[in-house]
Amino acid sequence: MSRISADQVKHVANLARLAVTEEETETLRKELDAIISFAEQLNELDTKNVEPTSHVLEMKNVLREDKAENGLPIAEVLKNAPDSKDGHIRVPSIID
């Protein structure tokens, strides 16, 4: 017996804004049924002594502290600009 119906596949496809044909619906139904069967096999495992986790490896935040620092001097920045005026970088106009 199938764990997922064609109507459920169509409903999920609609939620995902996917247009599926009847043939695609049947193919997806079979594939999703196989995925559900595989996931159900995991229920057979004894996980009493397994700690819940979101990652198998220890994760840590490697970002630096967010603190304000002085930027480059304006003269140094403007050296790299192809065109500047009055301490600002000039760019071509895109709006008429």
PDB file of N, CA and C in Angstrom:
ATOM      1  N   MET A   1       0.842  -1.187   0.000  1.00  0.00           N
ATOM      2  CA  MET A   1       0.000   0.000   0.000  1.00  0.00           C
ATOM      3  C   MET A   1       0.889   1.253   0.000  1.00  0.00           C
ATOM      4  N   SER A   2       0.505   2.207  -0.759  1.00  0.00           N
ATOM      5  CA  SER A   2       1.270   3.442  -0.875  1.00  0.00           C
ATOM      6  C   SER A   2       1.050   4.326   0.350  1.00  0.00           C
ATOM      7  N   ARG A   3       2.113   4.974   0.797  1.00  0.00           N
ATOM      8  CA  ARG A   3       2.030   5.859   1.960  1.00  0.00           C
ATOM      9  C   ARG A   3       1.633   7.277   1.567  1.00  0.00           C
ATOM     10  N   ILE A   4       1.636   7.544   0.254  1.00  0.00           N
ATOM     11  CA  ILE A   4       1.292   8.887  -0.214  1.00  0.00           C
ATOM     12  C   ILE A   4       0.422   8.757  -1.461  1.00  0.00           C
ATOM     13  N   SER A   5      -0.616   9.558  -1.517  1.00  0.00           N
ATOM     14  CA  SER A   5      -1.552   9.462  -2.637  1.00  0.00           C
ATOM     15  C   SER A   5      -1.209  10.476  -3.725  1.00  0.00           C
ATOM     16  N   ALA A   6      -1.773  10.275  -4.889  1.00  0.00           N
ATOM     17  CA  ALA A   6      -1.571  11.204  -6.005  1.00  0.00           C
ATOM     18  C   ALA A   6      -2.118  12.583  -5.639  1.00  0.00           C
ATOM     19  N   ASP A   7      -3.224  12.617  -4.902  1.00  0.00           N
ATOM     20  CA  ASP A   7      -3.790  13.908  -4.482  1.00  0.00           C
ATOM     21  C   ASP A   7      -2.837  14.650  -3.551  1.00  0.00           C
ATOM     22  N   GLN A   8      -2.158  13.924  -2.672  1.00  0.00           N
ATOM     23  CA  GLN A   8      -1.185  14.558  -1.775  1.00  0.00           C
ATOM     24  C   GLN A   8       0.005  15.100  -2.564  1.00  0.00           C
ATOM     25  N   VAL A   9       0.444  14.346  -3.567  1.00  0.00           N
ATOM     26  CA  VAL A   9       1.547  14.810  -4.417  1.00  0.00           C
ATOM     27  C   VAL A   9       1.131  16.087  -5.141  1.00  0.00           C
ATOM     28  N   LYS A  10      -0.067  16.106  -5.683  1.00  0.00           N
ATOM     29  CA  LYS A  10      -0.565  17.303  -6.382  1.00  0.00           C
ATOM     30  C   LYS A  10      -0.676  18.486  -5.425  1.00  0.00           C
ATOM     31  N   HIS A  11      -1.101  18.218  -4.205  1.00  0.00           N
ATOM     32  CA  HIS A  11      -1.223  19.287  -3.209  1.00  0.00           C
ATOM     33  C   HIS A  11       0.147  19.886  -2.888  1.00  0.00           C
ATOM     34  N   VAL A  12       1.136  19.034  -2.662  1.00  0.00           N
ATOM     35  CA  VAL A  12       2.495  19.513  -2.371  1.00  0.00           C
ATOM     36  C   VAL A  12       3.061  20.252  -3.577  1.00  0.00           C
ATOM     37  N   ALA A  13       2.830  19.738  -4.766  1.00  0.00           N
ATOM     38  CA  ALA A  13       3.303  20.409  -5.982  1.00  0.00           C
ATOM     39  C   ALA A  13       2.661  21.783  -6.103  1.00  0.00           C
ATOM     40  N   ASN A  14       1.389  21.885  -5.776  1.00  0.00           N
ATOM     41  CA  ASN A  14       0.693  23.173  -5.822  1.00  0.00           C
ATOM     42  C   ASN A  14       1.294  24.148  -4.810  1.00  0.00           C
ATOM     43  N   LEU A  15       1.585  23.665  -3.606  1.00  0.00           N
ATOM     44  CA  LEU A  15       2.199  24.522  -2.591  1.00  0.00           C
ATOM     45  C   LEU A  15       3.568  25.019  -3.048  1.00  0.00           C
ATOM     46  N   ALA A  16       4.286  24.178  -3.791  1.00  0.00           N
ATOM     47  CA  ALA A  16       5.615  24.538  -4.294  1.00  0.00           C
ATOM     48  C   ALA A  16       5.524  25.296  -5.620  1.00  0.00           C
ATOM     49  N   ARG A  17       4.315  25.540  -6.066  1.00  0.00           N
ATOM     50  CA  ARG A  17       4.078  26.251  -7.332  1.00  0.00           C
ATOM     51  C   ARG A  17       4.707  25.505  -8.508  1.00  0.00           C
ATOM     52  N   LEU A  18       4.533  24.168  -8.512  1.00  0.00           N
ATOM     53  CA  LEU A  18       5.044  23.331  -9.583  1.00  0.00           C
ATOM     54  C   LEU A  18       3.877  22.788 -10.393  1.00  0.00           C
ATOM     55  N   ALA A  19       4.001  22.848 -11.692  1.00  0.00           N
ATOM     56  CA  ALA A  19       2.991  22.262 -12.567  1.00  0.00           C
ATOM     57  C   ALA A  19       3.455  20.848 -12.903  1.00  0.00           C
ATOM     58  N   VAL A  20       2.656  19.849 -12.544  1.00  0.00           N
ATOM     59  CA  VAL A  20       3.022  18.464 -12.821  1.00  0.00           C
ATOM     60  C   VAL A  20       1.916  17.787 -13.617  1.00  0.00           C
ATOM     61  N   THR A  21       2.334  16.956 -14.563  1.00  0.00           N
ATOM     62  CA  THR A  21       1.374  16.188 -15.352  1.00  0.00           C
ATOM     63  C   THR A  21       0.956  14.960 -14.560  1.00  0.00           C
ATOM     64  N   GLU A  22      -0.028  14.230 -15.068  1.00  0.00           N
ATOM     65  CA  GLU A  22      -0.474  13.006 -14.408  1.00  0.00           C
ATOM     66  C   GLU A  22       0.666  11.984 -14.362  1.00  0.00           C
ATOM     67  N   GLU A  23       1.447  11.914 -15.454  1.00  0.00           N
ATOM     68  CA  GLU A  23       2.572  10.976 -15.505  1.00  0.00           C
ATOM     69  C   GLU A  23       3.632  11.361 -14.463  1.00  0.00           C
ATOM     70  N   GLU A  24       3.923  12.654 -14.377  1.00  0.00           N
ATOM     71  CA  GLU A  24       4.897  13.121 -13.388  1.00  0.00           C
ATOM     72  C   GLU A  24       4.387  12.892 -11.967  1.00  0.00           C
ATOM     73  N   THR A  25       3.085  13.069 -11.764  1.00  0.00           N
ATOM     74  CA  THR A  25       2.490  12.846 -10.448  1.00  0.00           C
ATOM     75  C   THR A  25       2.709  11.416 -10.001  1.00  0.00           C
ATOM     76  N   GLU A  26       2.500  10.467 -10.913  1.00  0.00           N
ATOM     77  CA  GLU A  26       2.685   9.053 -10.561  1.00  0.00           C
ATOM     78  C   GLU A  26       4.151   8.746 -10.282  1.00  0.00           C
ATOM     79  N   THR A  27       5.051   9.308 -11.081  1.00  0.00           N
ATOM     80  CA  THR A  27       6.488   9.106 -10.856  1.00  0.00           C
ATOM     81  C   THR A  27       6.894   9.678  -9.505  1.00  0.00           C
ATOM     82  N   LEU A  28       6.436  10.890  -9.207  1.00  0.00           N
ATOM     83  CA  LEU A  28       6.767  11.521  -7.935  1.00  0.00           C
ATOM     84  C   LEU A  28       6.160  10.751  -6.765  1.00  0.00           C
ATOM     85  N   ARG A  29       4.954  10.221  -6.957  1.00  0.00           N
ATOM     86  CA  ARG A  29       4.312   9.448  -5.889  1.00  0.00           C
ATOM     87  C   ARG A  29       5.155   8.230  -5.534  1.00  0.00           C
ATOM     88  N   LYS A  30       5.656   7.530  -6.566  1.00  0.00           N
ATOM     89  CA  LYS A  30       6.486   6.348  -6.326  1.00  0.00           C
ATOM     90  C   LYS A  30       7.796   6.733  -5.640  1.00  0.00           C
ATOM     91  N   GLU A  31       8.419   7.820  -6.102  1.00  0.00           N
ATOM     92  CA  GLU A  31       9.694   8.254  -5.521  1.00  0.00           C
ATOM     93  C   GLU A  31       9.518   8.695  -4.070  1.00  0.00           C
ATOM     94  N   LEU A  32       8.460   9.467  -3.801  1.00  0.00           N
ATOM     95  CA  LEU A  32       8.205   9.916  -2.431  1.00  0.00           C
ATOM     96  C   LEU A  32       7.849   8.736  -1.522  1.00  0.00           C
ATOM     97  N   ASP A  33       7.136   7.761  -2.053  1.00  0.00           N
ATOM     98  CA  ASP A  33       6.808   6.579  -1.276  1.00  0.00           C
ATOM     99  C   ASP A  33       8.087   5.823  -0.889  1.00  0.00           C
ATOM    100  N   ALA A  34       9.041   5.740  -1.805  1.00  0.00           N
ATOM    101  CA  ALA A  34      10.314   5.076  -1.510  1.00  0.00           C
ATOM    102  C   ALA A  34      11.094   5.849  -0.445  1.00  0.00           C
ATOM    103  N   ILE A  35      11.057   7.175  -0.519  1.00  0.00           N
ATOM    104  CA  ILE A  35      11.741   8.003   0.482  1.00  0.00           C
ATOM    105  C   ILE A  35      11.110   7.803   1.856  1.00  0.00           C
ATOM    106  N   ILE A  36       9.786   7.777   1.906  1.00  0.00           N
ATOM    107  CA  ILE A  36       9.084   7.576   3.172  1.00  0.00           C
ATOM    108  C   ILE A  36       9.412   6.195   3.740  1.00  0.00           C
ATOM    109  N   SER A  37       9.466   5.184   2.884  1.00  0.00           N
ATOM    110  CA  SER A  37       9.813   3.824   3.336  1.00  0.00           C
ATOM    111  C   SER A  37      11.201   3.800   3.951  1.00  0.00           C
ATOM    112  N   PHE A  38      12.147   4.480   3.301  1.00  0.00           N
ATOM    113  CA  PHE A  38      13.504   4.527   3.833  1.00  0.00           C
ATOM    114  C   PHE A  38      13.530   5.244   5.181  1.00  0.00           C
ATOM    115  N   ALA A  39      12.813   6.357   5.286  1.00  0.00           N
ATOM    116  CA  ALA A  39      12.784   7.112   6.541  1.00  0.00           C
ATOM    117  C   ALA A  39      12.152   6.281   7.659  1.00  0.00           C
ATOM    118  N   GLU A  40      11.167   5.484   7.322  1.00  0.00           N
ATOM    119  CA  GLU A  40      10.523   4.642   8.337  1.00  0.00           C
ATOM    120  C   GLU A  40      11.473   3.587   8.886  1.00  0.00           C
ATOM    121  N   GLN A  41      12.462   3.177   8.092  1.00  0.00           N
ATOM    122  CA  GLN A  41      13.446   2.209   8.571  1.00  0.00           C
ATOM    123  C   GLN A  41      14.234   2.784   9.743  1.00  0.00           C
ATOM    124  N   LEU A  42      14.401   4.079   9.787  1.00  0.00           N
ATOM    125  CA  LEU A  42      15.135   4.716  10.876  1.00  0.00           C
ATOM    126  C   LEU A  42      14.419   4.544  12.209  1.00  0.00           C
ATOM    127  N   ASN A  43      13.094   4.356  12.181  1.00  0.00           N
ATOM    128  CA  ASN A  43      12.340   4.142  13.419  1.00  0.00           C
ATOM    129  C   ASN A  43      12.706   2.820  14.088  1.00  0.00           C
ATOM    130  N   GLU A  44      13.314   1.905  13.336  1.00  0.00           N
ATOM    131  CA  GLU A  44      13.685   0.601  13.880  1.00  0.00           C
ATOM    132  C   GLU A  44      14.981   0.657  14.688  1.00  0.00           C
ATOM    133  N   LEU A  45      15.720   1.740  14.587  1.00  0.00           N
ATOM    134  CA  LEU A  45      16.997   1.860  15.295  1.00  0.00           C
ATOM    135  C   LEU A  45      16.783   2.183  16.768  1.00  0.00           C
ATOM    136  N   ASP A  46      17.646   1.627  17.614  1.00  0.00           N
ATOM    137  CA  ASP A  46      17.608   1.914  19.045  1.00  0.00           C
ATOM    138  C   ASP A  46      18.423   3.183  19.292  1.00  0.00           C
ATOM    139  N   THR A  47      17.752   4.262  19.646  1.00  0.00           N
ATOM    140  CA  THR A  47      18.427   5.550  19.852  1.00  0.00           C
ATOM    141  C   THR A  47      18.316   6.030  21.301  1.00  0.00           C
ATOM    142  N   LYS A  48      18.109   5.108  22.226  1.00  0.00           N
ATOM    143  CA  LYS A  48      17.939   5.486  23.635  1.00  0.00           C
ATOM    144  C   LYS A  48      19.161   6.214  24.182  1.00  0.00           C
ATOM    145  N   ASN A  49      20.359   5.777  23.816  1.00  0.00           N
ATOM    146  CA  ASN A  49      21.586   6.360  24.366  1.00  0.00           C
ATOM    147  C   ASN A  49      22.257   7.352  23.414  1.00  0.00           C
ATOM    148  N   VAL A  50      21.515   7.839  22.445  1.00  0.00           N
ATOM    149  CA  VAL A  50      22.079   8.788  21.478  1.00  0.00           C
ATOM    150  C   VAL A  50      21.588  10.189  21.824  1.00  0.00           C
ATOM    151  N   GLU A  51      22.551  11.090  22.039  1.00  0.00           N
ATOM    152  CA  GLU A  51      22.197  12.483  22.351  1.00  0.00           C
ATOM    153  C   GLU A  51      21.649  13.182  21.110  1.00  0.00           C
ATOM    154  N   PRO A  52      20.587  13.963  21.246  1.00  0.00           N
ATOM    155  CA  PRO A  52      20.075  14.728  20.102  1.00  0.00           C
ATOM    156  C   PRO A  52      21.126  15.739  19.647  1.00  0.00           C
ATOM    157  N   THR A  53      21.240  15.934  18.345  1.00  0.00           N
ATOM    158  CA  THR A  53      22.204  16.878  17.808  1.00  0.00           C
ATOM    159  C   THR A  53      21.746  17.367  16.440  1.00  0.00           C
ATOM    160  N   SER A  54      22.236  18.511  16.053  1.00  0.00           N
ATOM    161  CA  SER A  54      21.922  19.015  14.716  1.00  0.00           C
ATOM    162  C   SER A  54      23.085  18.779  13.766  1.00  0.00           C
ATOM    163  N   HIS A  55      24.273  18.485  14.315  1.00  0.00           N
ATOM    164  CA  HIS A  55      25.467  18.210  13.506  1.00  0.00           C
ATOM    165  C   HIS A  55      26.239  17.061  14.137  1.00  0.00           C
ATOM    166  N   VAL A  56      26.870  16.271  13.299  1.00  0.00           N
ATOM    167  CA  VAL A  56      27.658  15.171  13.841  1.00  0.00           C
ATOM    168  C   VAL A  56      29.014  15.654  14.325  1.00  0.00           C
ATOM    169  N   LEU A  57      29.467  16.797  13.828  1.00  0.00           N
ATOM    170  CA  LEU A  57      30.727  17.380  14.274  1.00  0.00           C
ATOM    171  C   LEU A  57      30.454  18.590  15.147  1.00  0.00           C
ATOM    172  N   GLU A  58      31.361  18.875  16.061  1.00  0.00           N
ATOM    173  CA  GLU A  58      31.204  20.043  16.921  1.00  0.00           C
ATOM    174  C   GLU A  58      31.281  21.312  16.067  1.00  0.00           C
ATOM    175  N   MET A  59      30.330  22.176  16.252  1.00  0.00           N
ATOM    176  CA  MET A  59      30.291  23.423  15.482  1.00  0.00           C
ATOM    177  C   MET A  59      30.590  24.583  16.419  1.00  0.00           C
ATOM    178  N   LYS A  60      31.344  25.562  15.916  1.00  0.00           N
ATOM    179  CA  LYS A  60      31.572  26.746  16.712  1.00  0.00           C
ATOM    180  C   LYS A  60      31.561  27.958  15.802  1.00  0.00           C
ATOM    181  N   ASN A  61      31.212  29.088  16.349  1.00  0.00           N
ATOM    182  CA  ASN A  61      31.144  30.324  15.595  1.00  0.00           C
ATOM    183  C   ASN A  61      32.560  30.852  15.400  1.00  0.00           C
ATOM    184  N   VAL A  62      32.953  31.067  14.167  1.00  0.00           N
ATOM    185  CA  VAL A  62      34.305  31.518  13.884  1.00  0.00           C
ATOM    186  C   VAL A  62      34.328  32.989  13.446  1.00  0.00           C
ATOM    187  N   LEU A  63      33.242  33.685  13.658  1.00  0.00           N
ATOM    188  CA  LEU A  63      33.183  35.092  13.278  1.00  0.00           C
ATOM    189  C   LEU A  63      33.867  35.952  14.332  1.00  0.00           C
ATOM    190  N   ARG A  64      34.448  37.022  13.885  1.00  0.00           N
ATOM    191  CA  ARG A  64      35.103  37.935  14.821  1.00  0.00           C
ATOM    192  C   ARG A  64      34.049  38.781  15.539  1.00  0.00           C
ATOM    193  N   GLU A  65      34.460  39.411  16.608  1.00  0.00           N
ATOM    194  CA  GLU A  65      33.574  40.297  17.343  1.00  0.00           C
ATOM    195  C   GLU A  65      33.202  41.476  16.444  1.00  0.00           C
ATOM    196  N   ASP A  66      31.951  41.870  16.480  1.00  0.00           N
ATOM    197  CA  ASP A  66      31.482  42.976  15.661  1.00  0.00           C
ATOM    198  C   ASP A  66      31.728  44.279  16.402  1.00  0.00           C
ATOM    199  N   LYS A  67      32.767  45.008  15.995  1.00  0.00           N
ATOM    200  CA  LYS A  67      33.070  46.277  16.645  1.00  0.00           C
ATOM    201  C   LYS A  67      33.442  47.307  15.585  1.00  0.00           C
ATOM    202  N   ALA A  68      33.103  48.543  15.861  1.00  0.00           N
ATOM    203  CA  ALA A  68      33.365  49.626  14.911  1.00  0.00           C
ATOM    204  C   ALA A  68      34.854  49.912  14.839  1.00  0.00           C
ATOM    205  N   GLU A  69      35.342  50.094  13.624  1.00  0.00           N
ATOM    206  CA  GLU A  69      36.737  50.457  13.407  1.00  0.00           C
ATOM    207  C   GLU A  69      36.788  51.570  12.368  1.00  0.00           C
ATOM    208  N   ASN A  70      37.857  52.338  12.400  1.00  0.00           N
ATOM    209  CA  ASN A  70      38.016  53.392  11.403  1.00  0.00           C
ATOM    210  C   ASN A  70      38.283  52.765  10.037  1.00  0.00           C
ATOM    211  N   GLY A  71      37.684  53.343   9.002  1.00  0.00           N
ATOM    212  CA  GLY A  71      37.895  52.865   7.647  1.00  0.00           C
ATOM    213  C   GLY A  71      39.139  53.508   7.044  1.00  0.00           C
ATOM    214  N   LEU A  72      39.315  53.291   5.770  1.00  0.00           N
ATOM    215  CA  LEU A  72      40.446  53.876   5.067  1.00  0.00           C
ATOM    216  C   LEU A  72      40.264  55.383   4.945  1.00  0.00           C
ATOM    217  N   PRO A  73      41.357  56.134   4.886  1.00  0.00           N
ATOM    218  CA  PRO A  73      41.242  57.575   4.636  1.00  0.00           C
ATOM    219  C   PRO A  73      40.606  57.820   3.260  1.00  0.00           C
ATOM    220  N   ILE A  74      39.807  58.862   3.149  1.00  0.00           N
ATOM    221  CA  ILE A  74      39.100  59.157   1.900  1.00  0.00           C
ATOM    222  C   ILE A  74      40.068  59.284   0.731  1.00  0.00           C
ATOM    223  N   ALA A  75      41.200  59.943   0.945  1.00  0.00           N
ATOM    224  CA  ALA A  75      42.172  60.114  -0.134  1.00  0.00           C
ATOM    225  C   ALA A  75      42.658  58.752  -0.637  1.00  0.00           C
ATOM    226  N   GLU A  76      42.834  57.799   0.270  1.00  0.00           N
ATOM    227  CA  GLU A  76      43.294  56.460  -0.115  1.00  0.00           C
ATOM    228  C   GLU A  76      42.231  55.737  -0.936  1.00  0.00           C
ATOM    229  N   VAL A  77      40.974  55.875  -0.552  1.00  0.00           N
ATOM    230  CA  VAL A  77      39.869  55.244  -1.275  1.00  0.00           C
ATOM    231  C   VAL A  77      39.740  55.841  -2.665  1.00  0.00           C
ATOM    232  N   LEU A  78      39.827  57.158  -2.758  1.00  0.00           N
ATOM    233  CA  LEU A  78      39.633  57.826  -4.040  1.00  0.00           C
ATOM    234  C   LEU A  78      40.752  57.541  -5.035  1.00  0.00           C
ATOM    235  N   LYS A  79      41.903  57.060  -4.563  1.00  0.00           N
ATOM    236  CA  LYS A  79      42.988  56.686  -5.477  1.00  0.00           C
ATOM    237  C   LYS A  79      42.543  55.560  -6.415  1.00  0.00           C
ATOM    238  N   ASN A  80      41.670  54.679  -5.938  1.00  0.00           N
ATOM    239  CA  ASN A  80      41.209  53.545  -6.735  1.00  0.00           C
ATOM    240  C   ASN A  80      39.998  53.868  -7.598  1.00  0.00           C
ATOM    241  N   ALA A  81      39.396  55.018  -7.400  1.00  0.00           N
ATOM    242  CA  ALA A  81      38.201  55.379  -8.156  1.00  0.00           C
ATOM    243  C   ALA A  81      38.600  55.926  -9.522  1.00  0.00           C
ATOM    244  N   PRO A  82      37.920  55.495 -10.588  1.00  0.00           N
ATOM    245  CA  PRO A  82      38.251  56.021 -11.909  1.00  0.00           C
ATOM    246  C   PRO A  82      37.903  57.505 -12.055  1.00  0.00           C
ATOM    247  N   ASP A  83      36.906  57.977 -11.286  1.00  0.00           N
ATOM    248  CA  ASP A  83      36.521  59.389 -11.369  1.00  0.00           C
ATOM    249  C   ASP A  83      35.983  59.821 -10.004  1.00  0.00           C
ATOM    250  N   SER A  84      36.376  60.987  -9.556  1.00  0.00           N
ATOM    251  CA  SER A  84      35.887  61.498  -8.272  1.00  0.00           C
ATOM    252  C   SER A  84      35.777  63.003  -8.324  1.00  0.00           C
ATOM    253  N   LYS A  85      34.960  63.540  -7.398  1.00  0.00           N
ATOM    254  CA  LYS A  85      34.778  64.989  -7.307  1.00  0.00           C
ATOM    255  C   LYS A  85      34.339  65.330  -5.898  1.00  0.00           C
ATOM    256  N   ASP A  86      34.980  66.296  -5.291  1.00  0.00           N
ATOM    257  CA  ASP A  86      34.629  66.784  -3.954  1.00  0.00           C
ATOM    258  C   ASP A  86      34.560  65.665  -2.910  1.00  0.00           C
ATOM    259  N   GLY A  87      35.488  64.703  -2.983  1.00  0.00           N
ATOM    260  CA  GLY A  87      35.535  63.647  -1.989  1.00  0.00           C
ATOM    261  C   GLY A  87      34.540  62.522  -2.214  1.00  0.00           C
ATOM    262  N   HIS A  88      33.913  62.458  -3.389  1.00  0.00           N
ATOM    263  CA  HIS A  88      32.944  61.412  -3.708  1.00  0.00           C
ATOM    264  C   HIS A  88      33.348  60.693  -4.970  1.00  0.00           C
ATOM    265  N   ILE A  89      32.998  59.436  -5.068  1.00  0.00           N
ATOM    266  CA  ILE A  89      33.243  58.669  -6.291  1.00  0.00           C
ATOM    267  C   ILE A  89      32.140  59.001  -7.273  1.00  0.00           C
ATOM    268  N   ARG A  90      32.523  59.346  -8.492  1.00  0.00           N
ATOM    269  CA  ARG A  90      31.549  59.672  -9.539  1.00  0.00           C
ATOM    270  C   ARG A  90      31.313  58.444 -10.397  1.00  0.00           C
ATOM    271  N   VAL A  91      30.063  58.205 -10.731  1.00  0.00           N
ATOM    272  CA  VAL A  91      29.700  57.095 -11.599  1.00  0.00           C
ATOM    273  C   VAL A  91      28.830  57.630 -12.729  1.00  0.00           C
ATOM    274  N   PRO A  92      28.754  56.910 -13.850  1.00  0.00           N
ATOM    275  CA  PRO A  92      27.918  57.380 -14.948  1.00  0.00           C
ATOM    276  C   PRO A  92      26.443  57.407 -14.552  1.00  0.00           C
ATOM    277  N   SER A  93      25.723  58.382 -15.043  1.00  0.00           N
ATOM    278  CA  SER A  93      24.290  58.491 -14.777  1.00  0.00           C
ATOM    279  C   SER A  93      23.554  57.373 -15.495  1.00  0.00           C
ATOM    280  N   ILE A  94      22.596  56.750 -14.796  1.00  0.00           N
ATOM    281  CA  ILE A  94      21.812  55.691 -15.435  1.00  0.00           C
ATOM    282  C   ILE A  94      20.344  56.109 -15.588  1.00  0.00           C
ATOM    283  N   ILE A  95      19.984  57.245 -15.040  1.00  0.00           N
ATOM    284  CA  ILE A  95      18.606  57.737 -15.144  1.00  0.00           C
ATOM    285  C   ILE A  95      18.635  59.057 -15.897  1.00  0.00           C
ATOM    286  N   ASP A  96      17.800  59.154 -16.920  1.00  0.00           N
ATOM    287  CA  ASP A  96      17.730  60.412 -17.695  1.00  0.00           C
ATOM    288  C   ASP A  96      16.859  61.418 -17.020  1.00  0.00           C
TER     289      ASP A  96
END
